Amino acid sequence: MTTVSIDADIKAKWQDGHSSYSPSSTEELAIIGIDLLVRDLGTEAAQSFIEQIFEKHLSDQKSETVSGRE
């Protein structure tokens, strides 16, 4: 696995407020992204979207294994 460092300043605005974030790890970035996705889409739609992403990555991993690229 690769170690990734994050240097980002995220400013999110919506009708009734705003937030600023400065994630320093992929985990912090994921938490921020999921939180914003839930605020925007709602819990069920956000969960469905995330499941689609996991399915895509699982499918990509299976393809890599079958083709011998792993």
PDB file of N, CA and C in Angstrom:
ATOM      1  N   MET A   1       0.819  -1.176   0.000  1.00  0.00           N
ATOM      2  CA  MET A   1       0.000   0.000   0.000  1.00  0.00           C
ATOM      3  C   MET A   1       0.869   1.247   0.000  1.00  0.00           C
ATOM      4  N   THR A   2       0.389   2.291  -0.635  1.00  0.00           N
ATOM      5  CA  THR A   2       1.110   3.542  -0.728  1.00  0.00           C
ATOM      6  C   THR A   2       0.680   4.489   0.378  1.00  0.00           C
ATOM      7  N   THR A   3       1.639   5.204   0.943  1.00  0.00           N
ATOM      8  CA  THR A   3       1.317   6.228   1.926  1.00  0.00           C
ATOM      9  C   THR A   3       1.084   7.538   1.184  1.00  0.00           C
ATOM     10  N   VAL A   4      -0.047   8.165   1.470  1.00  0.00           N
ATOM     11  CA  VAL A   4      -0.419   9.412   0.812  1.00  0.00           C
ATOM     12  C   VAL A   4      -0.536  10.497   1.875  1.00  0.00           C
ATOM     13  N   SER A   5       0.085  11.637   1.613  1.00  0.00           N
ATOM     14  CA  SER A   5      -0.135  12.770   2.512  1.00  0.00           C
ATOM     15  C   SER A   5      -0.994  13.791   1.774  1.00  0.00           C
ATOM     16  N   ILE A   6      -1.852  14.441   2.508  1.00  0.00           N
ATOM     17  CA  ILE A   6      -2.812  15.379   1.942  1.00  0.00           C
ATOM     18  C   ILE A   6      -2.486  16.781   2.436  1.00  0.00           C
ATOM     19  N   ASP A   7      -2.503  17.736   1.516  1.00  0.00           N
ATOM     20  CA  ASP A   7      -2.358  19.146   1.866  1.00  0.00           C
ATOM     21  C   ASP A   7      -3.490  19.877   1.164  1.00  0.00           C
ATOM     22  N   ALA A   8      -4.590  20.084   1.881  1.00  0.00           N
ATOM     23  CA  ALA A   8      -5.773  20.663   1.251  1.00  0.00           C
ATOM     24  C   ALA A   8      -6.494  21.590   2.220  1.00  0.00           C
ATOM     25  N   ASP A   9      -7.101  22.608   1.658  1.00  0.00           N
ATOM     26  CA  ASP A   9      -8.003  23.484   2.394  1.00  0.00           C
ATOM     27  C   ASP A   9      -9.340  23.429   1.673  1.00  0.00           C
ATOM     28  N   ILE A  10     -10.342  22.896   2.338  1.00  0.00           N
ATOM     29  CA  ILE A  10     -11.655  22.712   1.737  1.00  0.00           C
ATOM     30  C   ILE A  10     -12.625  23.675   2.394  1.00  0.00           C
ATOM     31  N   LYS A  11     -13.314  24.430   1.567  1.00  0.00           N
ATOM     32  CA  LYS A  11     -14.348  25.334   2.058  1.00  0.00           C
ATOM     33  C   LYS A  11     -15.663  24.892   1.434  1.00  0.00           C
ATOM     34  N   ALA A  12     -16.603  24.495   2.271  1.00  0.00           N
ATOM     35  CA  ALA A  12     -17.908  24.046   1.805  1.00  0.00           C
ATOM     36  C   ALA A  12     -18.966  25.044   2.260  1.00  0.00           C
ATOM     37  N   LYS A  13     -19.848  25.397   1.338  1.00  0.00           N
ATOM     38  CA  LYS A  13     -20.912  26.358   1.658  1.00  0.00           C
ATOM     39  C   LYS A  13     -22.246  25.757   1.242  1.00  0.00           C
ATOM     40  N   TRP A  14     -23.249  25.992   2.039  1.00  0.00           N
ATOM     41  CA  TRP A  14     -24.604  25.636   1.697  1.00  0.00           C
ATOM     42  C   TRP A  14     -25.503  26.744   2.185  1.00  0.00           C
ATOM     43  N   GLN A  15     -26.782  26.646   1.890  1.00  0.00           N
ATOM     44  CA  GLN A  15     -27.711  27.748   2.126  1.00  0.00           C
ATOM     45  C   GLN A  15     -27.702  28.266   3.567  1.00  0.00           C
ATOM     46  N   ASP A  16     -27.618  27.367   4.530  1.00  0.00           N
ATOM     47  CA  ASP A  16     -27.719  27.816   5.919  1.00  0.00           C
ATOM     48  C   ASP A  16     -26.406  27.737   6.690  1.00  0.00           C
ATOM     49  N   GLY A  17     -25.282  27.687   5.980  1.00  0.00           N
ATOM     50  CA  GLY A  17     -24.020  27.663   6.705  1.00  0.00           C
ATOM     51  C   GLY A  17     -22.822  27.352   5.834  1.00  0.00           C
ATOM     52  N   HIS A  18     -21.711  27.155   6.501  1.00  0.00           N
ATOM     53  CA  HIS A  18     -20.479  26.822   5.798  1.00  0.00           C
ATOM     54  C   HIS A  18     -19.529  26.126   6.765  1.00  0.00           C
ATOM     55  N   SER A  19     -18.534  25.436   6.203  1.00  0.00           N
ATOM     56  CA  SER A  19     -17.510  24.777   7.012  1.00  0.00           C
ATOM     57  C   SER A  19     -16.184  24.842   6.275  1.00  0.00           C
ATOM     58  N   SER A  20     -15.117  24.803   7.034  1.00  0.00           N
ATOM     59  CA  SER A  20     -13.771  24.740   6.475  1.00  0.00           C
ATOM     60  C   SER A  20     -13.084  23.506   7.040  1.00  0.00           C
ATOM     61  N   TYR A  21     -12.336  22.834   6.191  1.00  0.00           N
ATOM     62  CA  TYR A  21     -11.653  21.607   6.588  1.00  0.00           C
ATOM     63  C   TYR A  21     -10.217  21.639   6.083  1.00  0.00           C
ATOM     64  N   SER A  22      -9.327  21.016   6.811  1.00  0.00           N
ATOM     65  CA  SER A  22      -7.933  20.870   6.389  1.00  0.00           C
ATOM     66  C   SER A  22      -7.484  19.440   6.681  1.00  0.00           C
ATOM     67  N   PRO A  23      -7.911  18.499   5.854  1.00  0.00           N
ATOM     68  CA  PRO A  23      -7.538  17.105   6.101  1.00  0.00           C
ATOM     69  C   PRO A  23      -6.047  16.892   5.869  1.00  0.00           C
ATOM     70  N   SER A  24      -5.468  15.982   6.648  1.00  0.00           N
ATOM     71  CA  SER A  24      -4.048  15.680   6.472  1.00  0.00           C
ATOM     72  C   SER A  24      -3.816  14.206   6.151  1.00  0.00           C
ATOM     73  N   SER A  25      -4.900  13.430   6.100  1.00  0.00           N
ATOM     74  CA  SER A  25      -4.763  12.011   5.760  1.00  0.00           C
ATOM     75  C   SER A  25      -5.935  11.596   4.875  1.00  0.00           C
ATOM     76  N   THR A  26      -5.782  10.467   4.229  1.00  0.00           N
ATOM     77  CA  THR A  26      -6.871   9.971   3.380  1.00  0.00           C
ATOM     78  C   THR A  26      -8.103   9.656   4.213  1.00  0.00           C
ATOM     79  N   GLU A  27      -7.889   9.187   5.448  1.00  0.00           N
ATOM     80  CA  GLU A  27      -9.029   8.875   6.310  1.00  0.00           C
ATOM     81  C   GLU A  27      -9.821  10.143   6.642  1.00  0.00           C
ATOM     82  N   GLU A  28      -9.119  11.216   6.985  1.00  0.00           N
ATOM     83  CA  GLU A  28      -9.801  12.478   7.290  1.00  0.00           C
ATOM     84  C   GLU A  28     -10.528  13.007   6.057  1.00  0.00           C
ATOM     85  N   LEU A  29      -9.904  12.911   4.897  1.00  0.00           N
ATOM     86  CA  LEU A  29     -10.527  13.357   3.651  1.00  0.00           C
ATOM     87  C   LEU A  29     -11.791  12.553   3.366  1.00  0.00           C
ATOM     88  N   ALA A  30     -11.741  11.243   3.596  1.00  0.00           N
ATOM     89  CA  ALA A  30     -12.910  10.385   3.377  1.00  0.00           C
ATOM     90  C   ALA A  30     -14.053  10.775   4.315  1.00  0.00           C
ATOM     91  N   ILE A  31     -13.747  11.013   5.572  1.00  0.00           N
ATOM     92  CA  ILE A  31     -14.782  11.398   6.535  1.00  0.00           C
ATOM     93  C   ILE A  31     -15.446  12.702   6.102  1.00  0.00           C
ATOM     94  N   ILE A  32     -14.639  13.665   5.682  1.00  0.00           N
ATOM     95  CA  ILE A  32     -15.177  14.949   5.220  1.00  0.00           C
ATOM     96  C   ILE A  32     -16.044  14.733   3.984  1.00  0.00           C
ATOM     97  N   GLY A  33     -15.535  13.971   3.027  1.00  0.00           N
ATOM     98  CA  GLY A  33     -16.280  13.713   1.794  1.00  0.00           C
ATOM     99  C   GLY A  33     -17.600  13.015   2.052  1.00  0.00           C
ATOM    100  N   ILE A  34     -17.583  12.014   2.921  1.00  0.00           N
ATOM    101  CA  ILE A  34     -18.815  11.291   3.237  1.00  0.00           C
ATOM    102  C   ILE A  34     -19.802  12.202   3.948  1.00  0.00           C
ATOM    103  N   ASP A  35     -19.313  13.004   4.881  1.00  0.00           N
ATOM    104  CA  ASP A  35     -20.184  13.936   5.589  1.00  0.00           C
ATOM    105  C   ASP A  35     -20.855  14.898   4.608  1.00  0.00           C
ATOM    106  N   LEU A  36     -20.090  15.455   3.684  1.00  0.00           N
ATOM    107  CA  LEU A  36     -20.651  16.399   2.709  1.00  0.00           C
ATOM    108  C   LEU A  36     -21.611  15.698   1.755  1.00  0.00           C
ATOM    109  N   LEU A  37     -21.284  14.455   1.368  1.00  0.00           N
ATOM    110  CA  LEU A  37     -22.151  13.688   0.482  1.00  0.00           C
ATOM    111  C   LEU A  37     -23.494  13.415   1.147  1.00  0.00           C
ATOM    112  N   VAL A  38     -23.485  13.058   2.429  1.00  0.00           N
ATOM    113  CA  VAL A  38     -24.725  12.809   3.163  1.00  0.00           C
ATOM    114  C   VAL A  38     -25.537  14.102   3.284  1.00  0.00           C
ATOM    115  N   ARG A  39     -24.871  15.215   3.559  1.00  0.00           N
ATOM    116  CA  ARG A  39     -25.587  16.502   3.646  1.00  0.00           C
ATOM    117  C   ARG A  39     -26.250  16.842   2.315  1.00  0.00           C
ATOM    118  N   ASP A  40     -25.562  16.539   1.213  1.00  0.00           N
ATOM    119  CA  ASP A  40     -26.052  16.902  -0.117  1.00  0.00           C
ATOM    120  C   ASP A  40     -27.117  15.938  -0.635  1.00  0.00           C
ATOM    121  N   LEU A  41     -26.870  14.634  -0.505  1.00  0.00           N
ATOM    122  CA  LEU A  41     -27.746  13.635  -1.116  1.00  0.00           C
ATOM    123  C   LEU A  41     -28.717  12.967  -0.148  1.00  0.00           C
ATOM    124  N   GLY A  42     -28.411  13.033   1.137  1.00  0.00           N
ATOM    125  CA  GLY A  42     -29.174  12.262   2.112  1.00  0.00           C
ATOM    126  C   GLY A  42     -28.466  10.930   2.354  1.00  0.00           C
ATOM    127  N   THR A  43     -28.815  10.285   3.446  1.00  0.00           N
ATOM    128  CA  THR A  43     -28.112   9.078   3.874  1.00  0.00           C
ATOM    129  C   THR A  43     -28.222   7.939   2.859  1.00  0.00           C
ATOM    130  N   GLU A  44     -29.440   7.630   2.426  1.00  0.00           N
ATOM    131  CA  GLU A  44     -29.629   6.483   1.531  1.00  0.00           C
ATOM    132  C   GLU A  44     -28.960   6.687   0.181  1.00  0.00           C
ATOM    133  N   ALA A  45     -29.104   7.849  -0.411  1.00  0.00           N
ATOM    134  CA  ALA A  45     -28.491   8.115  -1.713  1.00  0.00           C
ATOM    135  C   ALA A  45     -26.969   8.131  -1.606  1.00  0.00           C
ATOM    136  N   ALA A  46     -26.447   8.690  -0.523  1.00  0.00           N
ATOM    137  CA  ALA A  46     -24.995   8.705  -0.320  1.00  0.00           C
ATOM    138  C   ALA A  46     -24.472   7.284  -0.161  1.00  0.00           C
ATOM    139  N   GLN A  47     -25.186   6.464   0.598  1.00  0.00           N
ATOM    140  CA  GLN A  47     -24.773   5.079   0.794  1.00  0.00           C
ATOM    141  C   GLN A  47     -24.800   4.324  -0.526  1.00  0.00           C
ATOM    142  N   SER A  48     -25.817   4.536  -1.334  1.00  0.00           N
ATOM    143  CA  SER A  48     -25.906   3.894  -2.644  1.00  0.00           C
ATOM    144  C   SER A  48     -24.733   4.310  -3.537  1.00  0.00           C
ATOM    145  N   PHE A  49     -24.404   5.586  -3.528  1.00  0.00           N
ATOM    146  CA  PHE A  49     -23.284   6.097  -4.320  1.00  0.00           C
ATOM    147  C   PHE A  49     -21.973   5.442  -3.880  1.00  0.00           C
ATOM    148  N   ILE A  50     -21.753   5.369  -2.576  1.00  0.00           N
ATOM    149  CA  ILE A  50     -20.523   4.780  -2.049  1.00  0.00           C
ATOM    150  C   ILE A  50     -20.446   3.293  -2.402  1.00  0.00           C
ATOM    151  N   GLU A  51     -21.575   2.591  -2.317  1.00  0.00           N
ATOM    152  CA  GLU A  51     -21.603   1.173  -2.691  1.00  0.00           C
ATOM    153  C   GLU A  51     -21.203   0.989  -4.155  1.00  0.00           C
ATOM    154  N   GLN A  52     -21.644   1.896  -5.032  1.00  0.00           N
ATOM    155  CA  GLN A  52     -21.264   1.820  -6.446  1.00  0.00           C
ATOM    156  C   GLN A  52     -19.750   1.951  -6.613  1.00  0.00           C
ATOM    157  N   ILE A  53     -19.135   2.821  -5.839  1.00  0.00           N
ATOM    158  CA  ILE A  53     -17.692   3.008  -5.910  1.00  0.00           C
ATOM    159  C   ILE A  53     -16.966   1.750  -5.453  1.00  0.00           C
ATOM    160  N   PHE A  54     -17.419   1.152  -4.334  1.00  0.00           N
ATOM    161  CA  PHE A  54     -16.810  -0.086  -3.854  1.00  0.00           C
ATOM    162  C   PHE A  54     -16.968  -1.206  -4.877  1.00  0.00           C
ATOM    163  N   GLU A  55     -18.143  -1.312  -5.490  1.00  0.00           N
ATOM    164  CA  GLU A  55     -18.372  -2.342  -6.509  1.00  0.00           C
ATOM    165  C   GLU A  55     -17.416  -2.158  -7.679  1.00  0.00           C
ATOM    166  N   LYS A  56     -17.207  -0.922  -8.102  1.00  0.00           N
ATOM    167  CA  LYS A  56     -16.288  -0.646  -9.209  1.00  0.00           C
ATOM    168  C   LYS A  56     -14.881  -1.100  -8.853  1.00  0.00           C
ATOM    169  N   HIS A  57     -14.424  -0.789  -7.647  1.00  0.00           N
ATOM    170  CA  HIS A  57     -13.073  -1.161  -7.248  1.00  0.00           C
ATOM    171  C   HIS A  57     -12.929  -2.671  -7.082  1.00  0.00           C
ATOM    172  N   LEU A  58     -13.962  -3.327  -6.572  1.00  0.00           N
ATOM    173  CA  LEU A  58     -13.921  -4.785  -6.477  1.00  0.00           C
ATOM    174  C   LEU A  58     -13.851  -5.410  -7.863  1.00  0.00           C
ATOM    175  N   SER A  59     -14.617  -4.854  -8.784  1.00  0.00           N
ATOM    176  CA  SER A  59     -14.601  -5.342 -10.163  1.00  0.00           C
ATOM    177  C   SER A  59     -13.229  -5.128 -10.798  1.00  0.00           C
ATOM    178  N   ASP A  60     -12.632  -3.963 -10.572  1.00  0.00           N
ATOM    179  CA  ASP A  60     -11.290  -3.675 -11.100  1.00  0.00           C
ATOM    180  C   ASP A  60     -10.260  -4.639 -10.528  1.00  0.00           C
ATOM    181  N   GLN A  61     -10.351  -4.945  -9.233  1.00  0.00           N
ATOM    182  CA  GLN A  61      -9.406  -5.865  -8.597  1.00  0.00           C
ATOM    183  C   GLN A  61      -9.553  -7.264  -9.166  1.00  0.00           C
ATOM    184  N   LYS A  62     -10.787  -7.705  -9.410  1.00  0.00           N
ATOM    185  CA  LYS A  62     -11.010  -9.027  -9.991  1.00  0.00           C
ATOM    186  C   LYS A  62     -10.412  -9.092 -11.393  1.00  0.00           C
ATOM    187  N   SER A  63     -10.564  -8.017 -12.171  1.00  0.00           N
ATOM    188  CA  SER A  63     -10.007  -7.969 -13.527  1.00  0.00           C
ATOM    189  C   SER A  63      -8.475  -8.038 -13.483  1.00  0.00           C
ATOM    190  N   GLU A  64      -7.879  -7.345 -12.537  1.00  0.00           N
ATOM    191  CA  GLU A  64      -6.413  -7.367 -12.407  1.00  0.00           C
ATOM    192  C   GLU A  64      -5.925  -8.759 -12.039  1.00  0.00           C
ATOM    193  N   THR A  65      -6.649  -9.447 -11.149  1.00  0.00           N
ATOM    194  CA  THR A  65      -6.271 -10.777 -10.729  1.00  0.00           C
ATOM    195  C   THR A  65      -6.364 -11.755 -11.890  1.00  0.00           C
ATOM    196  N   VAL A  66      -7.445 -11.676 -12.660  1.00  0.00           N
ATOM    197  CA  VAL A  66      -7.656 -12.572 -13.798  1.00  0.00           C
ATOM    198  C   VAL A  66      -6.598 -12.340 -14.870  1.00  0.00           C
ATOM    199  N   SER A  67      -6.232 -11.098 -15.115  1.00  0.00           N
ATOM    200  CA  SER A  67      -5.248 -10.805 -16.162  1.00  0.00           C
ATOM    201  C   SER A  67      -3.811 -10.963 -15.680  1.00  0.00           C
ATOM    202  N   GLY A  68      -3.640 -11.266 -14.375  1.00  0.00           N
ATOM    203  CA  GLY A  68      -2.302 -11.490 -13.845  1.00  0.00           C
ATOM    204  C   GLY A  68      -1.541 -10.229 -13.521  1.00  0.00           C
ATOM    205  N   ARG A  69      -2.213  -9.094 -13.419  1.00  0.00           N
ATOM    206  CA  ARG A  69      -1.536  -7.836 -13.131  1.00  0.00           C
ATOM    207  C   ARG A  69      -1.387  -7.573 -11.649  1.00  0.00           C
ATOM    208  N   GLU A  70      -1.877  -8.436 -10.801  1.00  0.00           N
ATOM    209  CA  GLU A  70      -1.776  -8.169  -9.375  1.00  0.00           C
ATOM    210  C   GLU A  70      -0.424  -8.543  -8.841  1.00  0.00           C
TER     211      GLU A  70
END
